Amino acid sequence: GFNALFGVGLALLKSCQKDLLSLDFEGIMRFFRVNLPKKYRSEDHADELIQTACSMKINVKKLKRYEKD
């Protein structure tokens, strides 16, 4: 459900954190539109993403607080 989707989103951000921090807004938009989909076309990268997402600890109380924001 929502927690799984949130976990995958966080795993995506975590996996490309260094790249994203070095880009401006337009570069980030291009990265999400072009580079990120290319990276996760391979089964190995996709499996790694899912493993990262499953290993992340998501605090439900914090999620509820963010949901209100």
PDB file of N, CA and C in Angstrom:
ATOM      1  N   GLY A   1       0.796  -1.174   0.000  1.00  0.00           N
ATOM      2  CA  GLY A   1       0.000   0.000   0.000  1.00  0.00           C
ATOM      3  C   GLY A   1       0.851   1.255   0.000  1.00  0.00           C
ATOM      4  N   PHE A   2       0.384   2.219   0.746  1.00  0.00           N
ATOM      5  CA  PHE A   2       1.032   3.523   0.811  1.00  0.00           C
ATOM      6  C   PHE A   2       2.456   3.412   1.351  1.00  0.00           C
ATOM      7  N   ASN A   3       2.652   2.585   2.386  1.00  0.00           N
ATOM      8  CA  ASN A   3       3.989   2.439   2.972  1.00  0.00           C
ATOM      9  C   ASN A   3       4.982   1.870   1.968  1.00  0.00           C
ATOM     10  N   ALA A   4       4.547   0.915   1.165  1.00  0.00           N
ATOM     11  CA  ALA A   4       5.430   0.328   0.156  1.00  0.00           C
ATOM     12  C   ALA A   4       5.811   1.368  -0.890  1.00  0.00           C
ATOM     13  N   LEU A   5       4.836   2.131  -1.345  1.00  0.00           N
ATOM     14  CA  LEU A   5       5.113   3.191  -2.322  1.00  0.00           C
ATOM     15  C   LEU A   5       6.061   4.237  -1.748  1.00  0.00           C
ATOM     16  N   PHE A   6       5.825   4.634  -0.526  1.00  0.00           N
ATOM     17  CA  PHE A   6       6.675   5.613   0.136  1.00  0.00           C
ATOM     18  C   PHE A   6       8.091   5.067   0.281  1.00  0.00           C
ATOM     19  N   GLY A   7       8.205   3.783   0.633  1.00  0.00           N
ATOM     20  CA  GLY A   7       9.517   3.150   0.771  1.00  0.00           C
ATOM     21  C   GLY A   7      10.284   3.134  -0.534  1.00  0.00           C
ATOM     22  N   VAL A   8       9.610   2.832  -1.631  1.00  0.00           N
ATOM     23  CA  VAL A   8      10.270   2.831  -2.940  1.00  0.00           C
ATOM     24  C   VAL A   8      10.698   4.252  -3.306  1.00  0.00           C
ATOM     25  N   GLY A   9       9.843   5.215  -3.022  1.00  0.00           N
ATOM     26  CA  GLY A   9      10.198   6.609  -3.296  1.00  0.00           C
ATOM     27  C   GLY A   9      11.423   7.048  -2.514  1.00  0.00           C
ATOM     28  N   LEU A  10      11.468   6.693  -1.236  1.00  0.00           N
ATOM     29  CA  LEU A  10      12.631   7.027  -0.415  1.00  0.00           C
ATOM     30  C   LEU A  10      13.882   6.306  -0.903  1.00  0.00           C
ATOM     31  N   ALA A  11      13.739   5.054  -1.303  1.00  0.00           N
ATOM     32  CA  ALA A  11      14.879   4.297  -1.815  1.00  0.00           C
ATOM     33  C   ALA A  11      15.415   4.926  -3.100  1.00  0.00           C
ATOM     34  N   LEU A  12      14.517   5.390  -3.967  1.00  0.00           N
ATOM     35  CA  LEU A  12      14.946   6.083  -5.188  1.00  0.00           C
ATOM     36  C   LEU A  12      15.739   7.342  -4.848  1.00  0.00           C
ATOM     37  N   LEU A  13      15.217   8.127  -3.926  1.00  0.00           N
ATOM     38  CA  LEU A  13      15.912   9.358  -3.536  1.00  0.00           C
ATOM     39  C   LEU A  13      17.259   9.052  -2.889  1.00  0.00           C
ATOM     40  N   LYS A  14      17.288   8.027  -2.059  1.00  0.00           N
ATOM     41  CA  LYS A  14      18.532   7.647  -1.386  1.00  0.00           C
ATOM     42  C   LYS A  14      19.578   7.175  -2.394  1.00  0.00           C
ATOM     43  N   SER A  15      19.151   6.412  -3.394  1.00  0.00           N
ATOM     44  CA  SER A  15      20.096   5.849  -4.361  1.00  0.00           C
ATOM     45  C   SER A  15      20.737   6.909  -5.248  1.00  0.00           C
ATOM     46  N   CYS A  16      20.078   8.041  -5.419  1.00  0.00           N
ATOM     47  CA  CYS A  16      20.635   9.080  -6.298  1.00  0.00           C
ATOM     48  C   CYS A  16      20.825  10.402  -5.563  1.00  0.00           C
ATOM     49  N   GLN A  17      20.987  10.339  -4.260  1.00  0.00           N
ATOM     50  CA  GLN A  17      21.116  11.533  -3.431  1.00  0.00           C
ATOM     51  C   GLN A  17      22.279  12.418  -3.879  1.00  0.00           C
ATOM     52  N   LYS A  18      23.457  11.830  -4.096  1.00  0.00           N
ATOM     53  CA  LYS A  18      24.631  12.621  -4.490  1.00  0.00           C
ATOM     54  C   LYS A  18      24.398  13.333  -5.814  1.00  0.00           C
ATOM     55  N   ASP A  19      23.827  12.612  -6.770  1.00  0.00           N
ATOM     56  CA  ASP A  19      23.545  13.217  -8.079  1.00  0.00           C
ATOM     57  C   ASP A  19      22.570  14.378  -7.937  1.00  0.00           C
ATOM     58  N   LEU A  20      21.502  14.170  -7.191  1.00  0.00           N
ATOM     59  CA  LEU A  20      20.466  15.193  -7.045  1.00  0.00           C
ATOM     60  C   LEU A  20      20.987  16.452  -6.358  1.00  0.00           C
ATOM     61  N   LEU A  21      21.842  16.268  -5.352  1.00  0.00           N
ATOM     62  CA  LEU A  21      22.361  17.422  -4.619  1.00  0.00           C
ATOM     63  C   LEU A  21      23.304  18.277  -5.461  1.00  0.00           C
ATOM     64  N   SER A  22      23.847  17.706  -6.525  1.00  0.00           N
ATOM     65  CA  SER A  22      24.777  18.462  -7.366  1.00  0.00           C
ATOM     66  C   SER A  22      24.084  19.173  -8.529  1.00  0.00           C
ATOM     67  N   LEU A  23      22.774  19.005  -8.664  1.00  0.00           N
ATOM     68  CA  LEU A  23      22.044  19.562  -9.804  1.00  0.00           C
ATOM     69  C   LEU A  23      21.178  20.747  -9.401  1.00  0.00           C
ATOM     70  N   ASP A  24      20.892  21.600 -10.390  1.00  0.00           N
ATOM     71  CA  ASP A  24      19.908  22.654 -10.171  1.00  0.00           C
ATOM     72  C   ASP A  24      18.521  22.068 -10.440  1.00  0.00           C
ATOM     73  N   PHE A  25      17.489  22.890 -10.296  1.00  0.00           N
ATOM     74  CA  PHE A  25      16.117  22.395 -10.430  1.00  0.00           C
ATOM     75  C   PHE A  25      15.865  21.761 -11.794  1.00  0.00           C
ATOM     76  N   GLU A  26      16.288  22.441 -12.861  1.00  0.00           N
ATOM     77  CA  GLU A  26      16.081  21.893 -14.210  1.00  0.00           C
ATOM     78  C   GLU A  26      16.833  20.582 -14.395  1.00  0.00           C
ATOM     79  N   GLY A  27      18.028  20.497 -13.832  1.00  0.00           N
ATOM     80  CA  GLY A  27      18.808  19.266 -13.907  1.00  0.00           C
ATOM     81  C   GLY A  27      18.138  18.122 -13.173  1.00  0.00           C
ATOM     82  N   ILE A  28      17.542  18.432 -12.030  1.00  0.00           N
ATOM     83  CA  ILE A  28      16.822  17.411 -11.261  1.00  0.00           C
ATOM     84  C   ILE A  28      15.630  16.896 -12.055  1.00  0.00           C
ATOM     85  N   MET A  29      14.898  17.814 -12.667  1.00  0.00           N
ATOM     86  CA  MET A  29      13.739  17.406 -13.470  1.00  0.00           C
ATOM     87  C   MET A  29      14.176  16.509 -14.631  1.00  0.00           C
ATOM     88  N   ARG A  30      15.270  16.867 -15.292  1.00  0.00           N
ATOM     89  CA  ARG A  30      15.800  16.062 -16.396  1.00  0.00           C
ATOM     90  C   ARG A  30      16.253  14.695 -15.874  1.00  0.00           C
ATOM     91  N   PHE A  31      16.894  14.693 -14.700  1.00  0.00           N
ATOM     92  CA  PHE A  31      17.375  13.453 -14.103  1.00  0.00           C
ATOM     93  C   PHE A  31      16.223  12.482 -13.870  1.00  0.00           C
ATOM     94  N   PHE A  32      15.122  12.981 -13.294  1.00  0.00           N
ATOM     95  CA  PHE A  32      13.966  12.121 -13.040  1.00  0.00           C
ATOM     96  C   PHE A  32      13.290  11.666 -14.328  1.00  0.00           C
ATOM     97  N   ARG A  33      13.334  12.496 -15.337  1.00  0.00           N
ATOM     98  CA  ARG A  33      12.665  12.174 -16.595  1.00  0.00           C
ATOM     99  C   ARG A  33      13.495  11.240 -17.479  1.00  0.00           C
ATOM    100  N   VAL A  34      14.834  11.371 -17.450  1.00  0.00           N
ATOM    101  CA  VAL A  34      15.692  10.651 -18.390  1.00  0.00           C
ATOM    102  C   VAL A  34      16.586   9.617 -17.700  1.00  0.00           C
ATOM    103  N   ASN A  35      17.445  10.074 -16.801  1.00  0.00           N
ATOM    104  CA  ASN A  35      18.466   9.199 -16.220  1.00  0.00           C
ATOM    105  C   ASN A  35      17.902   8.103 -15.324  1.00  0.00           C
ATOM    106  N   LEU A  36      16.981   8.472 -14.459  1.00  0.00           N
ATOM    107  CA  LEU A  36      16.444   7.506 -13.501  1.00  0.00           C
ATOM    108  C   LEU A  36      15.728   6.336 -14.182  1.00  0.00           C
ATOM    109  N   PRO A  37      14.849   6.588 -15.142  1.00  0.00           N
ATOM    110  CA  PRO A  37      14.211   5.453 -15.827  1.00  0.00           C
ATOM    111  C   PRO A  37      15.216   4.544 -16.542  1.00  0.00           C
ATOM    112  N   LYS A  38      16.270   5.133 -17.114  1.00  0.00           N
ATOM    113  CA  LYS A  38      17.289   4.319 -17.791  1.00  0.00           C
ATOM    114  C   LYS A  38      18.007   3.412 -16.798  1.00  0.00           C
ATOM    115  N   LYS A  39      18.301   3.952 -15.617  1.00  0.00           N
ATOM    116  CA  LYS A  39      19.037   3.183 -14.610  1.00  0.00           C
ATOM    117  C   LYS A  39      18.254   1.954 -14.161  1.00  0.00           C
ATOM    118  N   TYR A  40      16.954   2.096 -13.985  1.00  0.00           N
ATOM    119  CA  TYR A  40      16.166   1.000 -13.421  1.00  0.00           C
ATOM    120  C   TYR A  40      15.511   0.114 -14.472  1.00  0.00           C
ATOM    121  N   ARG A  41      15.966   0.210 -15.713  1.00  0.00           N
ATOM    122  CA  ARG A  41      15.511  -0.739 -16.737  1.00  0.00           C
ATOM    123  C   ARG A  41      16.148  -2.104 -16.532  1.00  0.00           C
ATOM    124  N   SER A  42      17.341  -2.127 -15.955  1.00  0.00           N
ATOM    125  CA  SER A  42      18.010  -3.409 -15.740  1.00  0.00           C
ATOM    126  C   SER A  42      17.406  -4.099 -14.516  1.00  0.00           C
ATOM    127  N   GLU A  43      17.290  -5.395 -14.617  1.00  0.00           N
ATOM    128  CA  GLU A  43      16.683  -6.177 -13.536  1.00  0.00           C
ATOM    129  C   GLU A  43      17.513  -6.103 -12.260  1.00  0.00           C
ATOM    130  N   ASP A  44      18.848  -6.068 -12.404  1.00  0.00           N
ATOM    131  CA  ASP A  44      19.715  -6.003 -11.227  1.00  0.00           C
ATOM    132  C   ASP A  44      19.482  -4.724 -10.430  1.00  0.00           C
ATOM    133  N   HIS A  45      19.411  -3.596 -11.124  1.00  0.00           N
ATOM    134  CA  HIS A  45      19.175  -2.326 -10.438  1.00  0.00           C
ATOM    135  C   HIS A  45      17.780  -2.287  -9.810  1.00  0.00           C
ATOM    136  N   ALA A  46      16.802  -2.830 -10.510  1.00  0.00           N
ATOM    137  CA  ALA A  46      15.435  -2.854  -9.976  1.00  0.00           C
ATOM    138  C   ALA A  46      15.368  -3.718  -8.718  1.00  0.00           C
ATOM    139  N   ASP A  47      16.033  -4.875  -8.743  1.00  0.00           N
ATOM    140  CA  ASP A  47      16.064  -5.745  -7.560  1.00  0.00           C
ATOM    141  C   ASP A  47      16.742  -5.049  -6.382  1.00  0.00           C
ATOM    142  N   GLU A  48      17.833  -4.348  -6.671  1.00  0.00           N
ATOM    143  CA  GLU A  48      18.552  -3.610  -5.630  1.00  0.00           C
ATOM    144  C   GLU A  48      17.653  -2.532  -5.013  1.00  0.00           C
ATOM    145  N   LEU A  49      16.890  -1.857  -5.854  1.00  0.00           N
ATOM    146  CA  LEU A  49      15.968  -0.825  -5.375  1.00  0.00           C
ATOM    147  C   LEU A  49      14.922  -1.426  -4.436  1.00  0.00           C
ATOM    148  N   ILE A  50      14.348  -2.551  -4.828  1.00  0.00           N
ATOM    149  CA  ILE A  50      13.326  -3.197  -4.002  1.00  0.00           C
ATOM    150  C   ILE A  50      13.922  -3.669  -2.681  1.00  0.00           C
ATOM    151  N   GLN A  51      15.133  -4.219  -2.717  1.00  0.00           N
ATOM    152  CA  GLN A  51      15.787  -4.654  -1.481  1.00  0.00           C
ATOM    153  C   GLN A  51      16.032  -3.471  -0.548  1.00  0.00           C
ATOM    154  N   THR A  52      16.475  -2.353  -1.119  1.00  0.00           N
ATOM    155  CA  THR A  52      16.700  -1.152  -0.315  1.00  0.00           C
ATOM    156  C   THR A  52      15.390  -0.671   0.291  1.00  0.00           C
ATOM    157  N   ALA A  53      14.341  -0.647  -0.514  1.00  0.00           N
ATOM    158  CA  ALA A  53      13.031  -0.187  -0.035  1.00  0.00           C
ATOM    159  C   ALA A  53      12.520  -1.076   1.093  1.00  0.00           C
ATOM    160  N   CYS A  54      12.698  -2.379   0.955  1.00  0.00           N
ATOM    161  CA  CYS A  54      12.210  -3.315   1.977  1.00  0.00           C
ATOM    162  C   CYS A  54      13.020  -3.232   3.265  1.00  0.00           C
ATOM    163  N   SER A  55      14.283  -2.831   3.163  1.00  0.00           N
ATOM    164  CA  SER A  55      15.133  -2.776   4.352  1.00  0.00           C
ATOM    165  C   SER A  55      14.991  -1.463   5.120  1.00  0.00           C
ATOM    166  N   MET A  56      14.309  -0.484   4.533  1.00  0.00           N
ATOM    167  CA  MET A  56      14.158   0.810   5.198  1.00  0.00           C
ATOM    168  C   MET A  56      13.106   0.718   6.296  1.00  0.00           C
ATOM    169  N   LYS A  57      13.423   1.330   7.412  1.00  0.00           N
ATOM    170  CA  LYS A  57      12.485   1.390   8.533  1.00  0.00           C
ATOM    171  C   LYS A  57      11.692   2.684   8.402  1.00  0.00           C
ATOM    172  N   ILE A  58      10.393   2.552   8.248  1.00  0.00           N
ATOM    173  CA  ILE A  58       9.535   3.720   8.095  1.00  0.00           C
ATOM    174  C   ILE A  58       8.687   3.863   9.349  1.00  0.00           C
ATOM    175  N   ASN A  59       8.826   4.987  10.009  1.00  0.00           N
ATOM    176  CA  ASN A  59       8.095   5.269  11.233  1.00  0.00           C
ATOM    177  C   ASN A  59       6.676   5.711  10.872  1.00  0.00           C
ATOM    178  N   VAL A  60       5.694   4.913  11.245  1.00  0.00           N
ATOM    179  CA  VAL A  60       4.296   5.177  10.891  1.00  0.00           C
ATOM    180  C   VAL A  60       3.808   6.488  11.512  1.00  0.00           C
ATOM    181  N   LYS A  61       4.236   6.792  12.731  1.00  0.00           N
ATOM    182  CA  LYS A  61       3.818   8.039  13.379  1.00  0.00           C
ATOM    183  C   LYS A  61       4.310   9.252  12.594  1.00  0.00           C
ATOM    184  N   LYS A  62       5.566   9.188  12.134  1.00  0.00           N
ATOM    185  CA  LYS A  62       6.103  10.296  11.339  1.00  0.00           C
ATOM    186  C   LYS A  62       5.364  10.417  10.014  1.00  0.00           C
ATOM    187  N   LEU A  63       5.033   9.289   9.410  1.00  0.00           N
ATOM    188  CA  LEU A  63       4.283   9.317   8.151  1.00  0.00           C
ATOM    189  C   LEU A  63       2.937  10.001   8.336  1.00  0.00           C
ATOM    190  N   LYS A  64       2.274   9.692   9.417  1.00  0.00           N
ATOM    191  CA  LYS A  64       0.974  10.318   9.695  1.00  0.00           C
ATOM    192  C   LYS A  64       1.132  11.833   9.854  1.00  0.00           C
ATOM    193  N   ARG A  65       2.209  12.245  10.506  1.00  0.00           N
ATOM    194  CA  ARG A  65       2.465  13.673  10.692  1.00  0.00           C
ATOM    195  C   ARG A  65       2.736  14.344   9.344  1.00  0.00           C
ATOM    196  N   TYR A  66       3.540  13.691   8.483  1.00  0.00           N
ATOM    197  CA  TYR A  66       3.828  14.234   7.153  1.00  0.00           C
ATOM    198  C   TYR A  66       2.572  14.276   6.300  1.00  0.00           C
ATOM    199  N   GLU A  67       1.714  13.282   6.482  1.00  0.00           N
ATOM    200  CA  GLU A  67       0.471  13.209   5.715  1.00  0.00           C
ATOM    201  C   GLU A  67      -0.401  14.434   5.980  1.00  0.00           C
ATOM    202  N   LYS A  68      -0.392  14.911   7.222  1.00  0.00           N
ATOM    203  CA  LYS A  68      -1.180  16.089   7.580  1.00  0.00           C
ATOM    204  C   LYS A  68      -0.623  17.353   6.938  1.00  0.00           C
ATOM    205  N   ASP A  69       0.704  17.397   6.754  1.00  0.00           N
ATOM    206  CA  ASP A  69       1.344  18.562   6.133  1.00  0.00           C
ATOM    207  C   ASP A  69       1.036  18.558   4.666  1.00  0.00           C
TER     208      ASP A  69
END
